């Protein structure tokens, strides 16, 4: 998702999405290490989503 999709959400919802996305990233990296992941680009997309979520959270805190 893009940063603008996260911009209007509250802190609790963003933290929940962040935890969910970090779990997904962990799962994707594990699948990649054992050779089950076919689309490696999903790892990059998950990392970008985490960065967007962290940016939205930091913008709220500032």
PDB file of N, CA and C in Angstrom:
ATOM      1  N   UNK A   1       0.835  -1.176   0.000  1.00  0.00           N
ATOM      2  CA  UNK A   1       0.000   0.000   0.000  1.00  0.00           C
ATOM      3  C   UNK A   1       0.885   1.247   0.000  1.00  0.00           C
ATOM      4  N   UNK A   2       0.314   2.327  -0.435  1.00  0.00           N
ATOM      5  CA  UNK A   2       1.050   3.587  -0.488  1.00  0.00           C
ATOM      6  C   UNK A   2       0.918   4.333   0.838  1.00  0.00           C
ATOM      7  N   UNK A   3       1.793   5.289   1.038  1.00  0.00           N
ATOM      8  CA  UNK A   3       1.789   6.079   2.265  1.00  0.00           C
ATOM      9  C   UNK A   3       0.454   6.797   2.443  1.00  0.00           C
ATOM     10  N   UNK A   4      -0.109   7.285   1.376  1.00  0.00           N
ATOM     11  CA  UNK A   4      -1.374   8.018   1.462  1.00  0.00           C
ATOM     12  C   UNK A   4      -2.517   7.142   1.960  1.00  0.00           C
ATOM     13  N   UNK A   5      -2.428   5.836   1.751  1.00  0.00           N
ATOM     14  CA  UNK A   5      -3.449   4.917   2.255  1.00  0.00           C
ATOM     15  C   UNK A   5      -3.411   4.824   3.779  1.00  0.00           C
ATOM     16  N   UNK A   6      -2.244   5.033   4.366  1.00  0.00           N
ATOM     17  CA  UNK A   6      -2.087   4.930   5.809  1.00  0.00           C
ATOM     18  C   UNK A   6      -2.270   6.260   6.524  1.00  0.00           C
ATOM     19  N   UNK A   7      -2.265   7.342   5.786  1.00  0.00           N
ATOM     20  CA  UNK A   7      -2.218   8.673   6.380  1.00  0.00           C
ATOM     21  C   UNK A   7      -3.427   8.992   7.262  1.00  0.00           C
ATOM     22  N   UNK A   8      -4.620   8.537   6.943  1.00  0.00           N
ATOM     23  CA  UNK A   8      -5.802   8.897   7.709  1.00  0.00           C
ATOM     24  C   UNK A   8      -6.147   7.954   8.849  1.00  0.00           C
ATOM     25  N   UNK A   9      -5.327   6.958   9.102  1.00  0.00           N
ATOM     26  CA  UNK A   9      -5.641   5.959  10.128  1.00  0.00           C
ATOM     27  C   UNK A   9      -5.100   6.393  11.491  1.00  0.00           C
ATOM     28  N   UNK A  10      -5.683   5.837  12.543  1.00  0.00           N
ATOM     29  CA  UNK A  10      -5.235   6.188  13.891  1.00  0.00           C
ATOM     30  C   UNK A  10      -4.037   5.322  14.309  1.00  0.00           C
ATOM     31  N   UNK A  11      -3.444   5.662  15.446  1.00  0.00           N
ATOM     32  CA  UNK A  11      -2.205   5.034  15.899  1.00  0.00           C
ATOM     33  C   UNK A  11      -2.387   3.540  16.162  1.00  0.00           C
ATOM     34  N   UNK A  12      -3.454   3.164  16.822  1.00  0.00           N
ATOM     35  CA  UNK A  12      -3.667   1.752  17.158  1.00  0.00           C
ATOM     36  C   UNK A  12      -3.805   0.898  15.897  1.00  0.00           C
ATOM     37  N   UNK A  13      -4.513   1.412  14.920  1.00  0.00           N
ATOM     38  CA  UNK A  13      -4.696   0.675  13.672  1.00  0.00           C
ATOM     39  C   UNK A  13      -3.372   0.547  12.916  1.00  0.00           C
ATOM     40  N   UNK A  14      -2.579   1.619  12.902  1.00  0.00           N
ATOM     41  CA  UNK A  14      -1.278   1.577  12.239  1.00  0.00           C
ATOM     42  C   UNK A  14      -0.333   0.600  12.927  1.00  0.00           C
ATOM     43  N   UNK A  15      -0.357   0.568  14.255  1.00  0.00           N
ATOM     44  CA  UNK A  15       0.508  -0.362  14.979  1.00  0.00           C
ATOM     45  C   UNK A  15       0.091  -1.810  14.720  1.00  0.00           C
ATOM     46  N   UNK A  16      -1.200  -2.043  14.606  1.00  0.00           N
ATOM     47  CA  UNK A  16      -1.678  -3.385  14.279  1.00  0.00           C
ATOM     48  C   UNK A  16      -1.237  -3.815  12.890  1.00  0.00           C
ATOM     49  N   UNK A  17      -1.362  -2.907  11.931  1.00  0.00           N
ATOM     50  CA  UNK A  17      -0.911  -3.202  10.571  1.00  0.00           C
ATOM     51  C   UNK A  17       0.596  -3.414  10.519  1.00  0.00           C
ATOM     52  N   UNK A  18       1.331  -2.650  11.313  1.00  0.00           N
ATOM     53  CA  UNK A  18       2.785  -2.790  11.355  1.00  0.00           C
ATOM     54  C   UNK A  18       3.182  -4.161  11.893  1.00  0.00           C
ATOM     55  N   UNK A  19       2.540  -4.586  12.961  1.00  0.00           N
ATOM     56  CA  UNK A  19       2.837  -5.907  13.525  1.00  0.00           C
ATOM     57  C   UNK A  19       2.494  -7.019  12.531  1.00  0.00           C
ATOM     58  N   UNK A  20       1.372  -6.867  11.847  1.00  0.00           N
ATOM     59  CA  UNK A  20       0.946  -7.861  10.863  1.00  0.00           C
ATOM     60  C   UNK A  20       1.932  -7.919   9.692  1.00  0.00           C
ATOM     61  N   UNK A  21       2.374  -6.771   9.224  1.00  0.00           N
ATOM     62  CA  UNK A  21       3.296  -6.721   8.088  1.00  0.00           C
ATOM     63  C   UNK A  21       4.671  -7.251   8.472  1.00  0.00           C
ATOM     64  N   UNK A  22       5.114  -6.982   9.690  1.00  0.00           N
ATOM     65  CA  UNK A  22       6.395  -7.534  10.147  1.00  0.00           C
ATOM     66  C   UNK A  22       6.320  -9.061  10.239  1.00  0.00           C
ATOM     67  N   UNK A  23       5.192  -9.592  10.675  1.00  0.00           N
ATOM     68  CA  UNK A  23       5.005 -11.044  10.704  1.00  0.00           C
ATOM     69  C   UNK A  23       5.032 -11.629   9.307  1.00  0.00           C
ATOM     70  N   UNK A  24       4.391 -10.933   8.371  1.00  0.00           N
ATOM     71  CA  UNK A  24       4.399 -11.376   6.982  1.00  0.00           C
ATOM     72  C   UNK A  24       5.812 -11.373   6.418  1.00  0.00           C
ATOM     73  N   UNK A  25       6.581 -10.330   6.717  1.00  0.00           N
ATOM     74  CA  UNK A  25       7.961 -10.248   6.235  1.00  0.00           C
ATOM     75  C   UNK A  25       8.786 -11.405   6.796  1.00  0.00           C
ATOM     76  N   UNK A  26       8.612 -11.691   8.072  1.00  0.00           N
ATOM     77  CA  UNK A  26       9.337 -12.810   8.692  1.00  0.00           C
ATOM     78  C   UNK A  26       9.003 -14.116   7.981  1.00  0.00           C
ATOM     79  N   UNK A  27       7.733 -14.317   7.694  1.00  0.00           N
ATOM     80  CA  UNK A  27       7.284 -15.530   7.011  1.00  0.00           C
ATOM     81  C   UNK A  27       7.851 -15.606   5.593  1.00  0.00           C
ATOM     82  N   UNK A  28       7.862 -14.479   4.878  1.00  0.00           N
ATOM     83  CA  UNK A  28       8.381 -14.463   3.513  1.00  0.00           C
ATOM     84  C   UNK A  28       9.877 -14.762   3.476  1.00  0.00           C
ATOM     85  N   UNK A  29      10.619 -14.194   4.409  1.00  0.00           N
ATOM     86  CA  UNK A  29      12.066 -14.446   4.455  1.00  0.00           C
ATOM     87  C   UNK A  29      12.331 -15.915   4.769  1.00  0.00           C
ATOM     88  N   UNK A  30      11.542 -16.481   5.667  1.00  0.00           N
ATOM     89  CA  UNK A  30      11.698 -17.897   5.991  1.00  0.00           C
ATOM     90  C   UNK A  30      11.395 -18.766   4.771  1.00  0.00           C
ATOM     91  N   UNK A  31      10.296 -18.468   4.080  1.00  0.00           N
ATOM     92  CA  UNK A  31       9.947 -19.242   2.886  1.00  0.00           C
ATOM     93  C   UNK A  31      11.019 -19.115   1.811  1.00  0.00           C
ATOM     94  N   UNK A  32      11.592 -17.930   1.675  1.00  0.00           N
ATOM     95  CA  UNK A  32      12.645 -17.733   0.682  1.00  0.00           C
ATOM     96  C   UNK A  32      13.883 -18.564   1.030  1.00  0.00           C
ATOM     97  N   UNK A  33      14.193 -18.654   2.311  1.00  0.00           N
ATOM     98  CA  UNK A  33      15.393 -19.390   2.717  1.00  0.00           C
ATOM     99  C   UNK A  33      15.259 -20.888   2.483  1.00  0.00           C
ATOM    100  N   UNK A  34      14.036 -21.410   2.518  1.00  0.00           N
ATOM    101  CA  UNK A  34      13.872 -22.848   2.279  1.00  0.00           C
ATOM    102  C   UNK A  34      13.414 -23.150   0.852  1.00  0.00           C
ATOM    103  N   UNK A  35      13.299 -22.096   0.036  1.00  0.00           N
ATOM    104  CA  UNK A  35      13.017 -22.298  -1.383  1.00  0.00           C
ATOM    105  C   UNK A  35      11.558 -22.416  -1.753  1.00  0.00           C
ATOM    106  N   UNK A  36      10.645 -22.021  -0.901  1.00  0.00           N
ATOM    107  CA  UNK A  36       9.219 -22.128  -1.207  1.00  0.00           C
ATOM    108  C   UNK A  36       8.639 -20.864  -1.828  1.00  0.00           C
ATOM    109  N   UNK A  37       9.356 -19.772  -1.769  1.00  0.00           N
ATOM    110  CA  UNK A  37       8.849 -18.494  -2.262  1.00  0.00           C
ATOM    111  C   UNK A  37       9.219 -18.334  -3.729  1.00  0.00           C
ATOM    112  N   UNK A  38       8.198 -18.137  -4.575  1.00  0.00           N
ATOM    113  CA  UNK A  38       8.454 -17.984  -6.000  1.00  0.00           C
ATOM    114  C   UNK A  38       8.610 -16.518  -6.385  1.00  0.00           C
ATOM    115  N   UNK A  39       7.845 -15.620  -5.766  1.00  0.00           N
ATOM    116  CA  UNK A  39       7.909 -14.201  -6.083  1.00  0.00           C
ATOM    117  C   UNK A  39       8.692 -13.471  -4.993  1.00  0.00           C
ATOM    118  N   UNK A  40       9.985 -13.297  -5.221  1.00  0.00           N
ATOM    119  CA  UNK A  40      10.873 -12.714  -4.227  1.00  0.00           C
ATOM    120  C   UNK A  40      10.580 -11.224  -4.048  1.00  0.00           C
ATOM    121  N   UNK A  41       9.930 -10.608  -5.016  1.00  0.00           N
ATOM    122  CA  UNK A  41       9.601  -9.184  -4.937  1.00  0.00           C
ATOM    123  C   UNK A  41       8.662  -8.892  -3.769  1.00  0.00           C
ATOM    124  N   UNK A  42       7.947  -9.875  -3.305  1.00  0.00           N
ATOM    125  CA  UNK A  42       7.044  -9.686  -2.166  1.00  0.00           C
ATOM    126  C   UNK A  42       7.814  -9.236  -0.921  1.00  0.00           C
ATOM    127  N   UNK A  43       9.059  -9.670  -0.779  1.00  0.00           N
ATOM    128  CA  UNK A  43       9.885  -9.262   0.363  1.00  0.00           C
ATOM    129  C   UNK A  43      10.132  -7.759   0.296  1.00  0.00           C
ATOM    130  N   UNK A  44      10.480  -7.267  -0.879  1.00  0.00           N
ATOM    131  CA  UNK A  44      10.722  -5.841  -1.058  1.00  0.00           C
ATOM    132  C   UNK A  44       9.454  -5.039  -0.801  1.00  0.00           C
ATOM    133  N   UNK A  45       8.327  -5.519  -1.271  1.00  0.00           N
ATOM    134  CA  UNK A  45       7.060  -4.821  -1.062  1.00  0.00           C
ATOM    135  C   UNK A  45       6.680  -4.783   0.414  1.00  0.00           C
ATOM    136  N   UNK A  46       6.968  -5.856   1.136  1.00  0.00           N
ATOM    137  CA  UNK A  46       6.677  -5.881   2.567  1.00  0.00           C
ATOM    138  C   UNK A  46       7.562  -4.885   3.309  1.00  0.00           C
ATOM    139  N   UNK A  47       8.829  -4.798   2.922  1.00  0.00           N
ATOM    140  CA  UNK A  47       9.740  -3.840   3.551  1.00  0.00           C
ATOM    141  C   UNK A  47       9.291  -2.405   3.289  1.00  0.00           C
ATOM    142  N   UNK A  48       8.829  -2.146   2.075  1.00  0.00           N
ATOM    143  CA  UNK A  48       8.344  -0.804   1.749  1.00  0.00           C
ATOM    144  C   UNK A  48       7.082  -0.479   2.530  1.00  0.00           C
ATOM    145  N   UNK A  49       6.211  -1.455   2.705  1.00  0.00           N
ATOM    146  CA  UNK A  49       5.000  -1.229   3.487  1.00  0.00           C
ATOM    147  C   UNK A  49       5.344  -0.908   4.934  1.00  0.00           C
ATOM    148  N   UNK A  50       6.341  -1.594   5.478  1.00  0.00           N
ATOM    149  CA  UNK A  50       6.787  -1.312   6.844  1.00  0.00           C
ATOM    150  C   UNK A  50       7.333   0.111   6.929  1.00  0.00           C
ATOM    151  N   UNK A  51       8.094   0.528   5.933  1.00  0.00           N
ATOM    152  CA  UNK A  51       8.640   1.884   5.928  1.00  0.00           C
ATOM    153  C   UNK A  51       7.516   2.923   5.848  1.00  0.00           C
ATOM    154  N   UNK A  52       6.493   2.664   5.045  1.00  0.00           N
ATOM    155  CA  UNK A  52       5.358   3.581   4.928  1.00  0.00           C
ATOM    156  C   UNK A  52       4.602   3.670   6.253  1.00  0.00           C
ATOM    157  N   UNK A  53       4.419   2.539   6.897  1.00  0.00           N
ATOM    158  CA  UNK A  53       3.723   2.527   8.187  1.00  0.00           C
ATOM    159  C   UNK A  53       4.516   3.276   9.251  1.00  0.00           C
ATOM    160  N   UNK A  54       5.819   3.072   9.285  1.00  0.00           N
ATOM    161  CA  UNK A  54       6.649   3.758  10.270  1.00  0.00           C
ATOM    162  C   UNK A  54       6.649   5.266  10.015  1.00  0.00           C
ATOM    163  N   UNK A  55       6.650   5.658   8.754  1.00  0.00           N
ATOM    164  CA  UNK A  55       6.587   7.073   8.413  1.00  0.00           C
ATOM    165  C   UNK A  55       5.278   7.693   8.877  1.00  0.00           C
ATOM    166  N   UNK A  56       4.179   6.979   8.661  1.00  0.00           N
ATOM    167  CA  UNK A  56       2.879   7.483   9.097  1.00  0.00           C
ATOM    168  C   UNK A  56       2.816   7.599  10.617  1.00  0.00           C
ATOM    169  N   UNK A  57       3.366   6.614  11.313  1.00  0.00           N
ATOM    170  CA  UNK A  57       3.380   6.661  12.777  1.00  0.00           C
ATOM    171  C   UNK A  57       4.240   7.816  13.285  1.00  0.00           C
ATOM    172  N   UNK A  58       5.392   8.021  12.686  1.00  0.00           N
ATOM    173  CA  UNK A  58       6.263   9.105  13.110  1.00  0.00           C
ATOM    174  C   UNK A  58       5.665  10.469  12.792  1.00  0.00           C
ATOM    175  N   UNK A  59       4.895  10.564  11.721  1.00  0.00           N
ATOM    176  CA  UNK A  59       4.237  11.829  11.388  1.00  0.00           C
ATOM    177  C   UNK A  59       3.175  12.171  12.410  1.00  0.00           C
ATOM    178  N   UNK A  60       2.498  11.154  12.935  1.00  0.00           N
ATOM    179  CA  UNK A  60       1.474  11.385  13.968  1.00  0.00           C
ATOM    180  C   UNK A  60       2.146  11.811  15.268  1.00  0.00           C
ATOM    181  N   UNK A  61       3.264  11.193  15.603  1.00  0.00           N
ATOM    182  CA  UNK A  61       3.951  11.497  16.867  1.00  0.00           C
ATOM    183  C   UNK A  61       4.560  12.900  16.853  1.00  0.00           C
ATOM    184  N   UNK A  62       4.923  13.384  15.681  1.00  0.00           N
ATOM    185  CA  UNK A  62       5.584  14.700  15.600  1.00  0.00           C
ATOM    186  C   UNK A  62       4.637  15.852  15.691  1.00  0.00           C
TER     187      UNK A  62
END
